[in-house]
């Protein structure tokens, strides 16, 4: 399905677009993890989940907190390709 969608996007846009698919069941599993539960409930804080397109060959070297300290990685599951 992914390749079909990518091909159609290429035809439509004229350039390669890599897409990442997750099942609804996987999204539900992620929601049930409550990864952000122990963090602030400040309404100004935004939470994001990033999805990797594949399992990296090695654990990525990531800054766990931005220089301004306004972005923080709180959970990395490379086996499932999810980054919180």
Protein backbone atom coordinates (compact mmCIF):
# COMPACT_ATOMS: atom_id res chain seq x y z
CA UNK A 1 0.00 0.00 0.00
CA UNK A 2 2.83 2.40 0.90
CA UNK A 3 4.52 2.04 -2.49
CA UNK A 4 1.20 2.58 -4.30
CA UNK A 5 0.55 5.79 -2.39
CA UNK A 6 4.13 6.99 -2.96
CA UNK A 7 3.82 6.36 -6.71
CA UNK A 8 0.53 8.27 -6.89
CA UNK A 9 2.05 11.17 -4.95
CA UNK A 10 5.00 11.19 -7.34
CA UNK A 11 2.63 11.39 -10.31
CA UNK A 12 0.66 14.18 -8.64
CA UNK A 13 3.57 16.24 -7.29
CA UNK A 14 6.43 15.35 -9.60
CA UNK A 15 8.88 14.41 -6.86
CA UNK A 16 9.44 11.52 -4.44
CA UNK A 17 7.52 11.59 -1.18
CA UNK A 18 8.27 8.99 1.49
CA UNK A 19 5.30 8.13 3.65
CA UNK A 20 5.03 6.25 6.91
CA UNK A 21 1.99 4.13 7.65
CA UNK A 22 0.84 2.95 11.09
CA UNK A 23 -2.23 0.85 11.76
CA UNK A 24 -5.05 2.26 13.83
CA UNK A 25 -4.29 -0.50 16.35
CA UNK A 26 -0.68 0.75 16.67
CA UNK A 27 -1.86 4.33 17.21
CA UNK A 28 -4.22 3.07 19.95
CA UNK A 29 -1.33 1.17 21.56
CA UNK A 30 0.78 4.33 21.58
CA UNK A 31 -2.04 6.31 23.19
CA UNK A 32 -2.43 3.70 25.92
CA UNK A 33 1.27 3.99 26.83
CA UNK A 34 0.58 7.41 28.40
CA UNK A 35 4.19 8.41 27.77
CA UNK A 36 3.45 12.08 28.50
CA UNK A 37 1.39 11.46 31.64
CA UNK A 38 4.22 12.25 34.07
CA UNK A 39 5.08 15.54 32.36
CA UNK A 40 3.58 18.96 32.85
CA UNK A 41 -0.10 19.61 32.34
CA UNK A 42 0.64 23.19 31.29
CA UNK A 43 -1.71 23.99 28.38
CA UNK A 44 1.09 25.82 26.58
CA UNK A 45 3.12 22.61 26.28
CA UNK A 46 2.69 20.63 23.06
CA UNK A 47 3.45 16.94 22.75
CA UNK A 48 4.59 15.25 19.56
CA UNK A 49 5.28 11.72 18.41
CA UNK A 50 7.62 11.17 15.47
CA UNK A 51 7.66 8.01 13.42
CA UNK A 52 10.82 6.64 11.83
CA UNK A 53 10.49 5.11 8.37
CA UNK A 54 12.63 2.11 9.31
CA UNK A 55 14.61 0.61 12.15
CA UNK A 56 18.00 2.40 12.29
CA UNK A 57 21.14 0.27 11.97
CA UNK A 58 22.33 1.84 15.24
CA UNK A 59 20.72 3.84 18.02
CA UNK A 60 20.48 7.42 16.71
CA UNK A 61 22.68 10.00 18.38
CA UNK A 62 20.08 12.54 19.37
CA UNK A 63 20.16 15.59 21.52
CA UNK A 64 17.77 14.72 24.29
CA UNK A 65 17.08 18.39 24.90
CA UNK A 66 17.35 21.38 22.58
CA UNK A 67 19.85 24.16 23.23
CA UNK A 68 16.98 26.48 24.26
CA UNK A 69 15.59 23.66 26.44
CA UNK A 70 12.22 24.04 24.74
CA UNK A 71 12.21 20.60 23.09
CA UNK A 72 12.96 17.34 24.87
CA UNK A 73 13.00 13.72 23.71
CA UNK A 74 11.39 11.70 26.49
CA UNK A 75 11.11 8.24 24.92
CA UNK A 76 12.80 6.47 22.02
CA UNK A 77 11.71 3.04 20.86
CA UNK A 78 13.77 2.28 17.76
CA UNK A 79 12.52 -1.29 17.55
CA UNK A 80 9.01 0.07 16.93
CA UNK A 81 10.29 3.20 15.13
CA UNK A 82 8.57 5.62 17.51
CA UNK A 83 10.04 8.78 19.07
CA UNK A 84 8.27 10.80 21.78
